[in-house]
């Protein structure tokens, strides 16, 4: 029980994986394993998660693009209510796909998860009226260790699917995310 389907190297980016769990359902509802160390390790995702986080957001909220500076984390992210567009940007020093991004819709309905290796920037845009977002990480939270990149940086060119009835000006950002630096500034600080 609990096998997973793994789409590896998503968007041509090594290590980035979309995981779809096997769902067992009947008239009563469903059951699924959202994480099983053995199944993930068999697919090459052999990491130790140490913390689970959860957030709730409303339509048009964009969280990101965030990364850890000195304590990078692998992340396994999923949505348990609603729908988001989830984005990962490769910031790994020396990576052939440095600066390349990949996006995928994660929803309570499709039950997909995204595995994001260390040294990626990550963010998501809420497409539904509300969304609850869960993620496992491989390092503990360290205050003052978070970096960010402008969500709409033209050099990165992330194609965010703005929710119907909204414009880019309607996107809801935290005060911190409103002043994130450009991708080129972050690239320089990371030795590119």
Protein backbone atom coordinates (compact mmCIF):
# COMPACT_ATOMS: atom_id res chain seq x y z
CA UNK A 1 0.00 0.00 0.00
CA UNK A 2 1.04 3.59 -0.48
CA UNK A 3 3.07 3.50 -3.68
CA UNK A 4 3.79 6.79 -5.40
CA UNK A 5 4.26 8.00 -8.96
CA UNK A 6 7.23 10.33 -9.37
CA UNK A 7 7.84 12.67 -12.30
CA UNK A 8 11.56 13.43 -12.04
CA UNK A 9 13.65 16.36 -13.27
CA UNK A 10 10.58 18.53 -13.85
CA UNK A 11 11.09 21.32 -16.32
CA UNK A 12 14.50 19.85 -17.12
CA UNK A 13 15.72 20.73 -13.62
CA UNK A 14 17.62 17.91 -11.91
CA UNK A 15 16.22 16.88 -8.53
CA UNK A 16 12.87 18.63 -8.86
CA UNK A 17 10.04 16.05 -8.63
CA UNK A 18 6.25 16.02 -8.80
CA UNK A 19 4.89 13.19 -6.65
CA UNK A 20 1.41 11.75 -7.00
CA UNK A 21 0.32 9.40 -4.20
CA UNK A 22 -1.86 6.38 -4.79
CA UNK A 23 -5.37 7.17 -3.51
CA UNK A 24 -7.69 4.46 -2.23
CA UNK A 25 -11.27 5.68 -2.39
CA UNK A 26 -14.82 4.43 -2.13
CA UNK A 27 -18.25 5.82 -1.25
CA UNK A 28 -17.01 6.68 2.27
CA UNK A 29 -14.14 8.88 1.11
CA UNK A 30 -10.45 8.14 0.54
CA UNK A 31 -7.14 7.17 2.13
CA UNK A 32 -3.61 7.92 0.98
CA UNK A 33 -0.09 7.97 2.36
CA UNK A 34 1.29 11.47 1.91
CA UNK A 35 4.80 10.44 2.92
CA UNK A 36 6.56 7.12 3.37
CA UNK A 37 10.33 7.24 3.83
CA UNK A 38 10.88 3.87 2.12
CA UNK A 39 8.84 4.76 -0.97
CA UNK A 40 10.54 8.14 -1.33
CA UNK A 41 14.05 6.72 -0.77
CA UNK A 42 13.37 4.06 -3.42
CA UNK A 43 12.71 6.95 -5.85
CA UNK A 44 15.97 8.69 -4.92
CA UNK A 45 14.46 11.18 -2.45
CA UNK A 46 16.46 10.06 0.56
CA UNK A 47 16.20 12.97 3.01
CA UNK A 48 15.29 13.38 6.66
CA UNK A 49 12.44 15.78 7.34
CA UNK A 50 12.59 17.50 10.74
CA UNK A 51 9.71 20.00 10.70
CA UNK A 52 6.19 20.30 9.26
CA UNK A 53 4.66 23.70 8.49
CA UNK A 54 1.18 24.78 7.43
CA UNK A 55 -0.28 28.07 6.22
CA UNK A 56 -3.67 29.37 5.16
CA UNK A 57 -4.10 32.08 2.54
CA UNK A 58 -6.84 33.71 0.50
CA UNK A 59 -7.19 34.14 -3.26
CA UNK A 60 -4.52 36.30 -4.82
CA UNK A 61 -2.02 35.89 -1.97
CA UNK A 62 1.48 35.27 -3.28
CA UNK A 63 4.10 34.00 -0.85
CA UNK A 64 7.63 34.09 -2.23
CA UNK A 65 9.93 33.72 -3.85
CA UNK A 66 11.81 32.64 -0.69
CA UNK A 67 15.03 30.74 -0.01
CA UNK A 68 17.29 30.02 2.97
CA UNK A 69 20.74 31.62 2.92
CA UNK A 70 22.92 29.60 5.30
CA UNK A 71 20.60 26.74 6.29
CA UNK A 72 19.06 25.49 3.02
CA UNK A 73 16.12 23.10 3.22
CA UNK A 74 14.75 20.36 1.02
CA UNK A 75 10.97 20.81 0.94
CA UNK A 76 8.00 18.55 0.22
CA UNK A 77 4.95 20.75 -0.41
CA UNK A 78 1.26 20.03 -0.93
CA UNK A 79 -2.18 21.61 -0.66
CA UNK A 80 -4.85 20.15 1.61
CA UNK A 81 -7.59 22.66 0.80
CA UNK A 82 -8.02 24.77 -2.33
CA UNK A 83 -5.54 25.29 -5.17
CA UNK A 84 -2.22 27.09 -5.69
CA UNK A 85 0.30 27.59 -8.45
CA UNK A 86 3.59 26.47 -6.93
CA UNK A 87 6.96 27.64 -8.29
CA UNK A 88 10.56 26.56 -7.68
CA UNK A 89 13.61 28.44 -9.01
CA UNK A 90 17.02 26.76 -9.19
CA UNK A 91 19.60 28.78 -7.21
CA UNK A 92 22.14 25.98 -6.76
CA UNK A 93 25.69 27.25 -7.25
CA UNK A 94 27.17 25.74 -10.41
CA UNK A 95 23.89 24.21 -11.55
CA UNK A 96 23.37 23.89 -15.32
CA UNK A 97 19.79 25.07 -14.76
CA UNK A 98 20.63 28.00 -12.46
CA UNK A 99 17.86 30.59 -12.75
CA UNK A 100 15.45 28.19 -14.45
CA UNK A 101 11.99 27.88 -12.92
CA UNK A 102 9.23 25.27 -12.89
CA UNK A 103 5.60 25.71 -11.89
CA UNK A 104 2.78 23.26 -11.17
CA UNK A 105 -0.79 23.47 -9.90
CA UNK A 106 -1.12 21.77 -6.52
CA UNK A 107 -4.61 21.23 -5.16
CA UNK A 108 -6.63 19.28 -2.64
CA UNK A 109 -8.26 17.65 -5.65
CA UNK A 110 -5.16 16.50 -7.60
CA UNK A 111 -3.24 15.65 -4.38
CA UNK A 112 0.10 16.24 -6.14
CA UNK A 113 3.19 17.19 -4.15
CA UNK A 114 6.35 18.97 -5.23
CA UNK A 115 9.76 17.94 -3.89
CA UNK A 116 12.11 20.92 -3.98
CA UNK A 117 15.82 20.27 -3.29
CA UNK A 118 18.04 22.54 -1.21
CA UNK A 119 19.12 25.88 -2.69
CA UNK A 120 15.92 26.62 -4.61
CA UNK A 121 13.73 29.69 -4.23
CA UNK A 122 10.10 28.76 -3.67
CA UNK A 123 6.77 30.53 -3.82
CA UNK A 124 3.10 30.02 -4.53
CA UNK A 125 0.06 31.97 -5.69
CA UNK A 126 -3.39 31.09 -4.32
CA UNK A 127 -5.86 30.44 -7.16
CA UNK A 128 -8.90 29.36 -5.11
CA UNK A 129 -10.92 31.47 -2.64
CA UNK A 130 -8.84 29.96 0.19
CA UNK A 131 -6.01 27.46 0.38
CA UNK A 132 -4.21 25.52 3.08
CA UNK A 133 -0.61 24.69 2.25
CA UNK A 134 1.52 22.08 4.05
CA UNK A 135 5.23 21.44 3.76
CA UNK A 136 7.88 19.25 5.28
CA UNK A 137 11.45 20.60 5.56
CA UNK A 138 14.86 19.08 6.28
CA UNK A 139 16.19 21.85 8.53
CA UNK A 140 14.67 23.83 11.35
CA UNK A 141 13.56 27.43 10.95
CA UNK A 142 16.41 29.87 11.52
CA UNK A 143 15.38 33.51 12.06
CA UNK A 144 17.10 36.01 9.76
CA UNK A 145 18.11 33.27 7.30
CA UNK A 146 15.48 33.94 4.64
CA UNK A 147 16.30 35.50 1.30
CA UNK A 148 13.86 36.51 -1.39
CA UNK A 149 13.50 37.36 -5.07
CA UNK A 150 10.94 39.69 -6.64
CA UNK A 151 7.97 37.50 -7.61
CA UNK A 152 7.55 39.24 -10.98
CA UNK A 153 11.22 39.68 -11.86
CA UNK A 154 11.35 40.12 -15.66
CA UNK A 155 14.66 38.27 -16.00
CA UNK A 156 13.21 35.16 -14.33
CA UNK A 157 9.96 35.51 -16.28
CA UNK A 158 7.77 33.28 -14.11
CA UNK A 159 4.39 32.91 -15.86
CA UNK A 160 2.06 33.25 -12.87
CA UNK A 161 -1.57 32.38 -13.75
CA UNK A 162 -3.31 35.45 -12.28
CA UNK A 163 -6.73 34.33 -10.91
CA UNK A 164 -9.74 35.24 -13.02
CA UNK A 165 -11.12 38.68 -12.25
CA UNK A 166 -7.76 39.88 -10.86
CA UNK A 167 -4.82 41.79 -12.30
CA UNK A 168 -1.16 41.78 -11.32
CA UNK A 169 -1.90 44.88 -9.21
CA UNK A 170 -4.37 42.83 -7.12
CA UNK A 171 -1.73 40.31 -5.99
CA UNK A 172 -1.44 40.36 -2.18
CA UNK A 173 2.14 40.37 -0.87
CA UNK A 174 3.67 40.64 2.58
CA UNK A 175 5.53 43.87 3.34
CA UNK A 176 8.77 41.88 3.16
CA UNK A 177 7.93 40.39 -0.26
CA UNK A 178 7.10 43.83 -1.67
CA UNK A 179 10.79 44.78 -1.37
CA UNK A 180 12.50 41.54 -2.42
CA UNK A 181 15.57 42.15 -4.61
CA UNK A 182 15.84 41.28 -8.30
CA UNK A 183 17.08 37.94 -9.57
CA UNK A 184 20.29 39.55 -10.87
CA UNK A 185 21.05 40.99 -7.40
CA UNK A 186 20.50 37.57 -5.80
CA UNK A 187 22.61 35.90 -8.54
CA UNK A 188 25.55 38.18 -7.77
CA UNK A 189 25.28 37.49 -4.05
CA UNK A 190 25.34 33.75 -4.82
CA UNK A 191 28.46 33.99 -6.99
CA UNK A 192 26.89 34.03 -10.48
